């Protein structure tokens, strides 16, 4: 994304996740929240706080917005984390599946002016589909076939469908660690 001319917009790091659960009767489902401003179904997520990395932020946001616990992040296959030179392997931050930029034209609860979100999009798996705490937003599980008619942004729908295809193709996201 190129900066707006002649001014440059502030950029805020955000983190979100497609949360999946495998139901024995219904198969794979993804959990989405109804966004309070956009009135569309989206992945749970939000701003990265000053004291967080993106992995910590996405785990916090998913718990707050869905009430789910026991979330496990999955990263795409790729090279192992770079370690050495005094870097502790435990310090590696989970890699998101996608990173995208989105202009927020009218501001949000963090900044009232036009700015950009750099969204780190993760995939998460949960064994327990039931909210343990009260979700901050309306939250619901959806099957792949239900996404076509759902009020959601096109990129969110396309990313979700891609992940459902991975699951259906025998590429068991849930089994990778």
Foldseek 3Di string as FASTA:
>chain_A
DDADPPDGFAEFEKEFEFEWEQDPVQGIWTKWFQDPPVRFTFTFMTTADPVGDRQVRHQVRCCQAQLDPPKDWFADDDDQDDDDPPRDSVPDGGAANDWDKDWDCQDDPVDRHIHIYTYRYTYIYDHDNDRPDDHPGDMDIGDLVVLVPGGHDPVRNVVVNVVVVCCVVVVPRVPHD
